[in-house]
Structure formats: structure tokens, C-alpha cells
Amino acid sequence: MRFLEGTDSPNRLHLDDDLVIQADNAEVLPFLDNGAFDLVYIDPPFNTGKVQARKTLETMPDAAGDRTGFGGRRYKTRLLAESSYRDSFDDYLGFLAPRLEEAHRLLAPTGTFYFHIDYREAHYCKLLLDEIFGRDCFLNEIIWAYDYGARSKSRWPAKHDTILVYVKDPTGYYYDAQTVDREPYMAPGLVTPEKAAKGKLPTDVWWHTIVPTNGREKTGYPTQKPEGIIRRMVHASTKPGDWCLDFFAGSGTIGAVAASLDRHYVLIDSNPEAIEVIRARLDGQESHTPDLEETAVEAESVPEFATSLF
């Protein structure tokens, strides 16, 4: 595994080893080659609705500029506008759009893009993704359902995230259902004993606990996603030796899963705390498959309904 910071200055980022980069992803992604990744997964910051002020800046190359970008390049900035929260919806899609365009460029012809978002923005983001990828490249809306935390008494409690799935080529994408973990039938008596023992393929609704507080994978990072849901994506959409990209890397779950399944990864995040967690998690990691004892520990934290589906 190699590590780069935003002040490092490569002409291109060559994929000869797993890579962790601390930098603004908008500055790094253009240095990666077209079609380099078989799977791109991102879990960007959700548009939470907090009151905040945003500044719109114009940047241009300038050797004497006030800002240092990726590769040590200097830029000067000019304030174009300031906006309050009421404009945050436009800001959010404007923030995402160039990054989603890069994701499309970087995806291999047979590749799959997984976009993880919450219910507040999923419908707007799908329209944006339809524009960038094309509606015919929309593959699935996956619902990750969980059961934890406070429960509203004024509405149905929101207990799911949305994962929008797009492919580069709707006639030539890679998908291997046989490698995906199987689920118990909800009514095993209605199928043959052989089918009941084998289990069924997952649907587009995935019941899975959050990262267990007493599980081996817990890093303490606030937005960490469980390896179980990421592993399902990696199994289905990649082969051993393929490349995975996450440019909102957070705790590095894609990297941990990819390493355990003999895939390669590139992780990008601008947050130094995230990079610290990633390096601690992945430094010296060897291929690892959870044993029965670990699986049992994690299952203890799964709500009863979820356990009946998994």
C-alpha cells in the first residue's frame, strides 16, 4: 500500500499498488486514467440541512497564488458569491456533479457504480445520475434497512439508506450472483429442503445491522459502514485482481473488504482523521475471512427481524 498527500506531485497516478491519498478528491481524480476501475463506491456527506454559510470561489493557476492544490500546484482564488442554507440544495448537487462525472469517466466498460445516500437527497441525486450515466444505465435502487437509534412519534421512523446502482454499459456490465452471500427463506416450509438449506439470493432490500459496537471491524469513525454490505457489492461486481475506488473513503471499508477478497483499491479523503483511521486499519492487513466466532458476535447485535432475513 502506498500513501500520498496533496503536496506530492505525480504527473499521473499509476495503479501499480493499493493507494491511499489525503487530498481533495476533485483535485486528485483527474490524475487517474479513464476506465481504470471495475467498481466505484462513494458515500458522500449527506445534505443534513444544518444552517451554514457557503462561499463560491473561482480558482485559476497562478504560481504566486494563495492556495496550494494537488501536486503542489499553486492557484489564486476569487470570491464569486456567498450563500446561506436556503441555497444548499443547489450547492449540494453542484458539489456532487463534477465528482460524479469523474466517477463515470473512471469506470471501466464493464464497471458498476454504487452511490450511497440517505432519503433526503436520493430522488434529486437520481435525476442527476440519470443525466450523467443515462437512464438506461440505471441498474438498481438498493435499500439498506437497519433498526437502531431513536424512534420518531410524529412520523414513520426513517431506518434505511439508499444505494443507487449504475453501470457504464447496460449490455456489458459484470455481475456474478453466484458469489454473493445467500439469505434464509422467510418461509422455508414452502420450498424444498435442498432450496431451504442453500438459501435464496438477496433482493434489492438488504437487512443488515450497523457496525456492531463489540465487533472486530469497529473503528470508531462516525460514518463507518458495515463490511457486510460492502462485501456483497464487491463480490457481485468484481473479480479477484480488479480495482475498486472510493473517493469519500471515510474509515476505509472498501479498502478493508477489497484486501480481504484479493482486489485492489484506491482510497481518497481530505480529512486527516479519516486517513489516520484508514492507515491504522489497512497497514499490514492480510487476507482475512471472519470465522464463525466473529460472525456469531456480530449476529448478536442484529435485531430479531433482520436476523430472520439474514
Foldseek 3Di string as FASTA:
>chain_A
DEEEEQQAADQADDPPAFYEYAFQCLQRLVRYAFAQAQEEEEEDDALPLDKDKDWDKDKDFDQPADDAGGNRTHIHIDTDDMDISVCVVVVVCVVCLVVLLSVLRHHHQQHKYKYKYAPVCVVVVVVSNCVRQNPLQWDDWAKEFADDDDADPVDGRRGIIIITMGHNDNVRHAFDQVQADAWADLCLVVDDPVDRVRHHGDDSYAYDYAFDPPAPPDLPFPPDGDLNVLLRVCRTRHAAAGEYEYQCQQLNSNCLNCQLRNYGYYYYHNDPVSVVNNCVRPPVDHRDDDDPVNVVVRVVRGDPVNNSTD
